[in-house]
Amino acid sequence: MNRSMYLSIGIVTMILGVMLAVQFRTNRYIEQSVPADRAQELQVELSKLEKDNRKLDREIEDLMYKLEQAQKGQLQAQAAIEDELKKARIHAGLVTVSGPGIEVVMDNPPSQSRRNHVFIIRDEDLLRMVNELRGAGAEAISINGQRMISTSEIRQAGSFININLERTEPPFHILAIGSPEKLKSALEISGGLIDYFKDLGIVVKIQSHSSVTVPAYNRSLQFNYAKAVRKG
């Protein structure tokens, strides 16, 4: 071996020695800076964090379940409110309804018989008919397409009769939903309303139907003065 080769081996040996010394000092520094039981402490802390995470996951599932139940309850409450609103609209006469009932046709006396009967149908006669039907259990009533509600008026206007501010004239077609037997018998009872009208010469025809359709009230309802009273 020549001199240059020995020099090269010496340099390489020196470099290796320096690297080993640096690595030894680094490992020693790490050993001195990190306690021997630190790994065990980290393991315990990791286990605690994982336990906390599992607890939070259970809380999230519980909250999600409660939220789902609350949403279901809200939907049920909304459905109940909508159902009550629908019932209220039906009772108020704002919805077209159908069901079993009767049809009553009232007309003035024929022209020939008017020589002996000067009587013509007046507003109080229609009111008597409406009240009699309601007393017999009628759930919906209309006269010539006009729905009878709590604020409806039947008022004489000369030779015409205004119903819900609409001018009407004979013949009057009255539809009533309810038990056909009860409604018909209430009108045809001996000495009842039909006998009274016939004595006056009014022509009255009654027919039972398995289904009649009573239209909805077709005007807007406005309360300018009446206000709801809040409890408490």
C-alpha atoms as a PDB file:
ATOM      1  CA  MET A   1       0.000   0.000   0.000  1.00  0.00           C
ATOM      2  CA  ASN A   2       1.218   3.461  -0.807  1.00  0.00           C
ATOM      3  CA  ARG A   3       1.090   6.428   1.462  1.00  0.00           C
ATOM      4  CA  SER A   4      -1.980   7.974  -0.139  1.00  0.00           C
ATOM      5  CA  MET A   5      -4.024   4.873   0.569  1.00  0.00           C
ATOM      6  CA  TYR A   6      -3.099   4.961   4.297  1.00  0.00           C
ATOM      7  CA  LEU A   7      -4.051   8.602   4.368  1.00  0.00           C
ATOM      8  CA  SER A   8      -7.449   7.870   2.881  1.00  0.00           C
ATOM      9  CA  ILE A   9      -8.123   5.057   5.352  1.00  0.00           C
ATOM     10  CA  GLY A  10      -7.136   7.341   8.193  1.00  0.00           C
ATOM     11  CA  ILE A  11      -9.508  10.085   7.028  1.00  0.00           C
ATOM     12  CA  VAL A  12     -12.397   7.631   6.686  1.00  0.00           C
ATOM     13  CA  THR A  13     -11.674   6.187  10.127  1.00  0.00           C
ATOM     14  CA  MET A  14     -11.637   9.676  11.601  1.00  0.00           C
ATOM     15  CA  ILE A  15     -15.001  10.542   9.997  1.00  0.00           C
ATOM     16  CA  LEU A  16     -16.553   7.334  11.278  1.00  0.00           C
ATOM     17  CA  GLY A  17     -15.274   8.098  14.756  1.00  0.00           C
ATOM     18  CA  VAL A  18     -16.775  11.575  14.691  1.00  0.00           C
ATOM     19  CA  MET A  19     -20.160  10.201  13.486  1.00  0.00           C
ATOM     20  CA  LEU A  20     -20.199   7.565  16.214  1.00  0.00           C
ATOM     21  CA  ALA A  21     -19.370  10.163  18.839  1.00  0.00           C
ATOM     22  CA  VAL A  22     -22.184  12.459  17.630  1.00  0.00           C
ATOM     23  CA  GLN A  23     -24.710   9.621  17.581  1.00  0.00           C
ATOM     24  CA  PHE A  24     -23.678   8.556  21.078  1.00  0.00           C
ATOM     25  CA  ARG A  25     -24.095  12.053  22.452  1.00  0.00           C
ATOM     26  CA  THR A  26     -27.500  12.419  20.727  1.00  0.00           C
ATOM     27  CA  ASN A  27     -28.829   9.181  22.172  1.00  0.00           C
ATOM     28  CA  ARG A  28     -27.547  10.138  25.576  1.00  0.00           C
ATOM     29  CA  TYR A  29     -29.278  13.547  25.329  1.00  0.00           C
ATOM     30  CA  ILE A  30     -32.595  11.902  24.414  1.00  0.00           C
ATOM     31  CA  GLU A  31     -32.266   9.441  27.270  1.00  0.00           C
ATOM     32  CA  GLN A  32     -31.563  12.294  29.682  1.00  0.00           C
ATOM     33  CA  SER A  33     -34.427  14.556  28.393  1.00  0.00           C
ATOM     34  CA  VAL A  34     -37.176  11.866  28.289  1.00  0.00           C
ATOM     35  CA  PRO A  35     -37.915  10.003  31.541  1.00  0.00           C
ATOM     36  CA  ALA A  36     -37.948   6.251  31.359  1.00  0.00           C
ATOM     37  CA  ASP A  37     -41.630   6.033  32.414  1.00  0.00           C
ATOM     38  CA  ARG A  38     -42.795   8.701  29.909  1.00  0.00           C
ATOM     39  CA  ALA A  39     -43.934   6.085  27.409  1.00  0.00           C
ATOM     40  CA  GLN A  40     -46.099   4.476  30.069  1.00  0.00           C
ATOM     41  CA  GLU A  41     -47.592   7.866  30.981  1.00  0.00           C
ATOM     42  CA  LEU A  42     -48.354   8.582  27.321  1.00  0.00           C
ATOM     43  CA  GLN A  43     -49.996   5.189  27.016  1.00  0.00           C
ATOM     44  CA  VAL A  44     -52.188   5.907  30.035  1.00  0.00           C
ATOM     45  CA  GLU A  45     -53.104   9.340  28.663  1.00  0.00           C
ATOM     46  CA  LEU A  46     -53.913   7.841  25.257  1.00  0.00           C
ATOM     47  CA  SER A  47     -56.154   5.257  26.910  1.00  0.00           C
ATOM     48  CA  LYS A  48     -57.949   8.025  28.836  1.00  0.00           C
ATOM     49  CA  LEU A  49     -58.462  10.046  25.642  1.00  0.00           C
ATOM     50  CA  GLU A  50     -59.875   7.032  23.859  1.00  0.00           C
ATOM     51  CA  LYS A  51     -62.267   6.450  26.777  1.00  0.00           C
ATOM     52  CA  ASP A  52     -63.361  10.098  26.669  1.00  0.00           C
ATOM     53  CA  ASN A  53     -63.904   9.839  22.921  1.00  0.00           C
ATOM     54  CA  ARG A  54     -66.112   6.785  23.368  1.00  0.00           C
ATOM     55  CA  LYS A  55     -68.117   8.668  26.008  1.00  0.00           C
ATOM     56  CA  LEU A  56     -68.520  11.642  23.666  1.00  0.00           C
ATOM     57  CA  ASP A  57     -69.637   9.314  20.873  1.00  0.00           C
ATOM     58  CA  ARG A  58     -72.351   7.893  23.154  1.00  0.00           C
ATOM     59  CA  GLU A  59     -73.455  11.430  24.082  1.00  0.00           C
ATOM     60  CA  ILE A  60     -73.617  12.365  20.404  1.00  0.00           C
ATOM     61  CA  GLU A  61     -75.747   9.297  19.655  1.00  0.00           C
ATOM     62  CA  ASP A  62     -78.040  10.157  22.564  1.00  0.00           C
ATOM     63  CA  LEU A  63     -78.418  13.760  21.401  1.00  0.00           C
ATOM     64  CA  MET A  64     -79.084  12.630  17.834  1.00  0.00           C
ATOM     65  CA  TYR A  65     -81.787  10.271  19.100  1.00  0.00           C
ATOM     66  CA  LYS A  66     -83.395  13.043  21.173  1.00  0.00           C
ATOM     67  CA  LEU A  67     -83.252  15.397  18.191  1.00  0.00           C
ATOM     68  CA  GLU A  68     -84.895  12.777  15.996  1.00  0.00           C
ATOM     69  CA  GLN A  69     -87.649  12.244  18.576  1.00  0.00           C
ATOM     70  CA  ALA A  70     -88.156  16.007  18.875  1.00  0.00           C
ATOM     71  CA  GLN A  71     -88.504  16.291  15.111  1.00  0.00           C
ATOM     72  CA  LYS A  72     -91.039  13.464  15.103  1.00  0.00           C
ATOM     73  CA  GLY A  73     -92.932  15.185  17.897  1.00  0.00           C
ATOM     74  CA  GLN A  74     -92.892  18.441  15.945  1.00  0.00           C
ATOM     75  CA  LEU A  75     -94.273  16.710  12.853  1.00  0.00           C
ATOM     76  CA  GLN A  76     -97.002  15.059  14.933  1.00  0.00           C
ATOM     77  CA  ALA A  77     -97.867  18.391  16.541  1.00  0.00           C
ATOM     78  CA  GLN A  78     -97.998  20.062  13.132  1.00  0.00           C
ATOM     79  CA  ALA A  79    -100.225  17.281  11.785  1.00  0.00           C
ATOM     80  CA  ALA A  80    -102.531  17.653  14.801  1.00  0.00           C
ATOM     81  CA  ILE A  81    -102.748  21.421  14.280  1.00  0.00           C
ATOM     82  CA  GLU A  82    -103.504  20.972  10.583  1.00  0.00           C
ATOM     83  CA  ASP A  83    -106.198  18.423  11.430  1.00  0.00           C
ATOM     84  CA  GLU A  84    -107.795  20.809  13.946  1.00  0.00           C
ATOM     85  CA  LEU A  85    -107.623  23.635  11.418  1.00  0.00           C
ATOM     86  CA  LYS A  86    -109.317  21.436   8.823  1.00  0.00           C
ATOM     87  CA  LYS A  87    -112.081  20.578  11.281  1.00  0.00           C
ATOM     88  CA  ALA A  88    -112.506  24.243  12.181  1.00  0.00           C
ATOM     89  CA  ARG A  89    -112.817  25.194   8.497  1.00  0.00           C
ATOM     90  CA  ILE A  90    -115.440  22.493   8.005  1.00  0.00           C
ATOM     91  CA  HIS A  91    -117.432  23.671  11.036  1.00  0.00           C
ATOM     92  CA  ALA A  92    -117.138  27.267   9.856  1.00  0.00           C
ATOM     93  CA  GLY A  93    -118.567  26.353   6.451  1.00  0.00           C
ATOM     94  CA  LEU A  94    -115.441  27.328   4.524  1.00  0.00           C
ATOM     95  CA  VAL A  95    -115.041  23.901   2.886  1.00  0.00           C
ATOM     96  CA  THR A  96    -117.252  22.155   0.347  1.00  0.00           C
ATOM     97  CA  VAL A  97    -118.691  19.028   1.983  1.00  0.00           C
ATOM     98  CA  SER A  98    -120.743  16.062   0.864  1.00  0.00           C
ATOM     99  CA  GLY A  99    -122.704  13.330   2.580  1.00  0.00           C
ATOM    100  CA  PRO A 100    -126.166  11.829   2.939  1.00  0.00           C
ATOM    101  CA  GLY A 101    -129.016  14.250   3.281  1.00  0.00           C
ATOM    102  CA  ILE A 102    -132.121  15.695   1.706  1.00  0.00           C
ATOM    103  CA  GLU A 103    -133.114  18.182  -0.965  1.00  0.00           C
ATOM    104  CA  VAL A 104    -136.032  20.513  -0.328  1.00  0.00           C
ATOM    105  CA  VAL A 105    -137.596  22.592  -3.078  1.00  0.00           C
ATOM    106  CA  MET A 106    -139.848  25.481  -2.049  1.00  0.00           C
ATOM    107  CA  ASP A 107    -141.801  27.462  -4.620  1.00  0.00           C
ATOM    108  CA  ASN A 108    -144.524  30.067  -4.614  1.00  0.00           C
ATOM    109  CA  PRO A 109    -148.129  28.961  -5.215  1.00  0.00           C
ATOM    110  CA  PRO A 110    -149.069  28.439  -8.871  1.00  0.00           C
ATOM    111  CA  SER A 111    -150.461  31.536 -10.560  1.00  0.00           C
ATOM    112  CA  GLN A 112    -153.999  30.117 -10.678  1.00  0.00           C
ATOM    113  CA  SER A 113    -154.113  29.471  -6.957  1.00  0.00           C
ATOM    114  CA  ARG A 114    -152.793  32.932  -6.163  1.00  0.00           C
ATOM    115  CA  ARG A 115    -156.301  34.247  -6.592  1.00  0.00           C
ATOM    116  CA  ASN A 116    -157.059  32.629  -3.259  1.00  0.00           C
ATOM    117  CA  HIS A 117    -153.536  32.887  -1.853  1.00  0.00           C
ATOM    118  CA  VAL A 118    -151.798  36.250  -2.006  1.00  0.00           C
ATOM    119  CA  PHE A 119    -148.987  34.699  -0.004  1.00  0.00           C
ATOM    120  CA  ILE A 120    -145.470  34.387  -1.432  1.00  0.00           C
ATOM    121  CA  ILE A 121    -142.387  32.917   0.188  1.00  0.00           C
ATOM    122  CA  ARG A 122    -140.717  35.428   2.468  1.00  0.00           C
ATOM    123  CA  ASP A 123    -137.420  35.566   4.353  1.00  0.00           C
ATOM    124  CA  GLU A 124    -138.936  34.308   7.615  1.00  0.00           C
ATOM    125  CA  ASP A 125    -140.142  31.164   5.838  1.00  0.00           C
ATOM    126  CA  LEU A 126    -136.596  30.314   4.770  1.00  0.00           C
ATOM    127  CA  LEU A 127    -135.383  31.078   8.285  1.00  0.00           C
ATOM    128  CA  ARG A 128    -137.985  28.667   9.701  1.00  0.00           C
ATOM    129  CA  MET A 129    -136.772  25.993   7.285  1.00  0.00           C
ATOM    130  CA  VAL A 130    -133.087  26.527   8.181  1.00  0.00           C
ATOM    131  CA  ASN A 131    -133.818  26.472  11.921  1.00  0.00           C
ATOM    132  CA  GLU A 132    -135.931  23.322  11.595  1.00  0.00           C
ATOM    133  CA  LEU A 133    -133.181  21.534   9.667  1.00  0.00           C
ATOM    134  CA  ARG A 134    -130.526  22.602  12.152  1.00  0.00           C
ATOM    135  CA  GLY A 135    -132.705  21.445  15.031  1.00  0.00           C
ATOM    136  CA  ALA A 136    -133.020  18.056  13.316  1.00  0.00           C
ATOM    137  CA  GLY A 137    -129.238  17.679  13.162  1.00  0.00           C
ATOM    138  CA  ALA A 138    -128.288  19.108   9.784  1.00  0.00           C
ATOM    139  CA  GLU A 139    -124.506  19.567   9.635  1.00  0.00           C
ATOM    140  CA  ALA A 140    -124.409  21.737   6.495  1.00  0.00           C
ATOM    141  CA  ILE A 141    -127.118  23.708   4.684  1.00  0.00           C
ATOM    142  CA  SER A 142    -127.233  25.708   1.475  1.00  0.00           C
ATOM    143  CA  ILE A 143    -129.997  27.652  -0.271  1.00  0.00           C
ATOM    144  CA  ASN A 144    -129.689  28.164  -4.022  1.00  0.00           C
ATOM    145  CA  GLY A 145    -125.946  27.532  -3.768  1.00  0.00           C
ATOM    146  CA  GLN A 146    -125.428  29.871  -0.799  1.00  0.00           C
ATOM    147  CA  ARG A 147    -123.868  28.196   2.236  1.00  0.00           C
ATOM    148  CA  MET A 148    -125.522  28.943   5.552  1.00  0.00           C
ATOM    149  CA  ILE A 149    -122.978  29.855   8.255  1.00  0.00           C
ATOM    150  CA  SER A 150    -123.199  31.648  11.581  1.00  0.00           C
ATOM    151  CA  THR A 151    -123.009  35.095   9.961  1.00  0.00           C
ATOM    152  CA  SER A 152    -125.314  34.390   7.010  1.00  0.00           C
ATOM    153  CA  GLU A 153    -128.296  36.680   6.601  1.00  0.00           C
ATOM    154  CA  ILE A 154    -131.647  35.945   4.978  1.00  0.00           C
ATOM    155  CA  ARG A 155    -133.351  39.254   4.355  1.00  0.00           C
ATOM    156  CA  GLN A 156    -136.330  40.388   2.355  1.00  0.00           C
ATOM    157  CA  ALA A 157    -135.501  42.920  -0.366  1.00  0.00           C
ATOM    158  CA  GLY A 158    -138.728  43.817  -2.137  1.00  0.00           C
ATOM    159  CA  SER A 159    -139.852  40.872  -4.240  1.00  0.00           C
ATOM    160  CA  PHE A 160    -136.440  39.196  -3.781  1.00  0.00           C
ATOM    161  CA  ILE A 161    -134.671  37.635  -0.837  1.00  0.00           C
ATOM    162  CA  ASN A 162    -131.001  38.396  -0.205  1.00  0.00           C
ATOM    163  CA  ILE A 163    -128.940  35.451   1.042  1.00  0.00           C
ATOM    164  CA  ASN A 164    -125.311  36.235   1.837  1.00  0.00           C
ATOM    165  CA  LEU A 165    -125.897  39.539  -0.016  1.00  0.00           C
ATOM    166  CA  GLU A 166    -126.875  37.577  -3.143  1.00  0.00           C
ATOM    167  CA  ARG A 167    -130.295  38.221  -4.684  1.00  0.00           C
ATOM    168  CA  THR A 168    -132.324  35.011  -4.900  1.00  0.00           C
ATOM    169  CA  GLU A 169    -135.832  34.145  -5.967  1.00  0.00           C
ATOM    170  CA  PRO A 170    -138.063  31.057  -6.073  1.00  0.00           C
ATOM    171  CA  PRO A 171    -137.852  28.203  -6.514  1.00  0.00           C
ATOM    172  CA  PHE A 172    -135.561  27.749  -3.530  1.00  0.00           C
ATOM    173  CA  HIS A 173    -133.408  24.617  -3.648  1.00  0.00           C
ATOM    174  CA  ILE A 174    -132.294  23.725  -0.131  1.00  0.00           C
ATOM    175  CA  LEU A 175    -129.650  21.074   0.491  1.00  0.00           C
ATOM    176  CA  ALA A 176    -129.001  19.685   3.960  1.00  0.00           C
ATOM    177  CA  ILE A 177    -126.450  17.080   5.039  1.00  0.00           C
ATOM    178  CA  GLY A 178    -127.446  14.803   7.885  1.00  0.00           C
ATOM    179  CA  SER A 179    -129.519  11.738   8.576  1.00  0.00           C
ATOM    180  CA  PRO A 180    -132.067  11.716   5.716  1.00  0.00           C
ATOM    181  CA  GLU A 181    -134.648   9.933   7.878  1.00  0.00           C
ATOM    182  CA  LYS A 182    -134.375  12.384  10.793  1.00  0.00           C
ATOM    183  CA  LEU A 183    -134.352  15.477   8.591  1.00  0.00           C
ATOM    184  CA  LYS A 184    -137.299  14.307   6.496  1.00  0.00           C
ATOM    185  CA  SER A 185    -139.398  13.189   9.452  1.00  0.00           C
ATOM    186  CA  ALA A 186    -138.735  16.456  11.306  1.00  0.00           C
ATOM    187  CA  LEU A 187    -140.196  18.411   8.394  1.00  0.00           C
ATOM    188  CA  GLU A 188    -143.080  16.054   7.626  1.00  0.00           C
ATOM    189  CA  ILE A 189    -144.251  15.529  11.189  1.00  0.00           C
ATOM    190  CA  SER A 190    -148.016  16.003  11.511  1.00  0.00           C
ATOM    191  CA  GLY A 191    -148.796  19.648  12.134  1.00  0.00           C
ATOM    192  CA  GLY A 192    -145.178  20.542  11.448  1.00  0.00           C
ATOM    193  CA  LEU A 193    -143.484  22.994   9.131  1.00  0.00           C
ATOM    194  CA  ILE A 194    -144.442  21.334   5.847  1.00  0.00           C
ATOM    195  CA  ASP A 195    -148.128  21.236   6.799  1.00  0.00           C
ATOM    196  CA  TYR A 196    -147.860  24.906   7.746  1.00  0.00           C
ATOM    197  CA  PHE A 197    -146.355  25.823   4.372  1.00  0.00           C
ATOM    198  CA  LYS A 198    -148.898  23.757   2.449  1.00  0.00           C
ATOM    199  CA  ASP A 199    -151.717  25.504   4.265  1.00  0.00           C
ATOM    200  CA  LEU A 200    -150.288  28.763   2.938  1.00  0.00           C
ATOM    201  CA  GLY A 201    -150.205  27.374  -0.584  1.00  0.00           C
ATOM    202  CA  ILE A 202    -146.416  27.017  -0.793  1.00  0.00           C
ATOM    203  CA  VAL A 203    -145.299  24.090  -2.936  1.00  0.00           C
ATOM    204  CA  VAL A 204    -142.801  21.933  -1.036  1.00  0.00           C
ATOM    205  CA  LYS A 205    -141.049  18.825  -2.323  1.00  0.00           C
ATOM    206  CA  ILE A 206    -138.638  16.714  -0.261  1.00  0.00           C
ATOM    207  CA  GLN A 207    -136.320  14.042  -1.602  1.00  0.00           C
ATOM    208  CA  SER A 208    -133.747  11.939   0.246  1.00  0.00           C
ATOM    209  CA  HIS A 209    -130.302  11.356  -1.258  1.00  0.00           C
ATOM    210  CA  SER A 210    -127.434   9.040  -0.388  1.00  0.00           C
ATOM    211  CA  SER A 211    -125.084  11.932  -1.140  1.00  0.00           C
ATOM    212  CA  VAL A 212    -125.534  15.667  -1.587  1.00  0.00           C
ATOM    213  CA  THR A 213    -122.856  18.312  -1.977  1.00  0.00           C
ATOM    214  CA  VAL A 214    -123.080  21.577  -0.080  1.00  0.00           C
ATOM    215  CA  PRO A 215    -120.743  24.307  -1.404  1.00  0.00           C
ATOM    216  CA  ALA A 216    -118.372  26.315   0.733  1.00  0.00           C
ATOM    217  CA  TYR A 217    -119.091  29.853   1.869  1.00  0.00           C
ATOM    218  CA  ASN A 218    -117.755  31.982  -0.985  1.00  0.00           C
ATOM    219  CA  ARG A 219    -117.200  35.294   0.760  1.00  0.00           C
ATOM    220  CA  SER A 220    -114.372  36.523   2.963  1.00  0.00           C
ATOM    221  CA  LEU A 221    -114.827  36.623   6.714  1.00  0.00           C
ATOM    222  CA  GLN A 222    -113.622  39.793   8.383  1.00  0.00           C
ATOM    223  CA  PHE A 223    -113.810  40.703  12.042  1.00  0.00           C
ATOM    224  CA  ASN A 224    -113.116  44.397  12.520  1.00  0.00           C
ATOM    225  CA  TYR A 225    -114.333  44.674  16.092  1.00  0.00           C
ATOM    226  CA  ALA A 226    -114.465  41.180  17.622  1.00  0.00           C
ATOM    227  CA  LYS A 227    -111.119  40.122  19.094  1.00  0.00           C
ATOM    228  CA  ALA A 228    -110.095  36.845  20.701  1.00  0.00           C
ATOM    229  CA  VAL A 229    -109.791  36.951  24.483  1.00  0.00           C
ATOM    230  CA  ARG A 230    -106.549  35.568  25.891  1.00  0.00           C
ATOM    231  CA  LYS A 231    -106.834  33.510  29.050  1.00  0.00           C
ATOM    232  CA  GLY A 232    -105.045  34.983  32.059  1.00  0.00           C
END
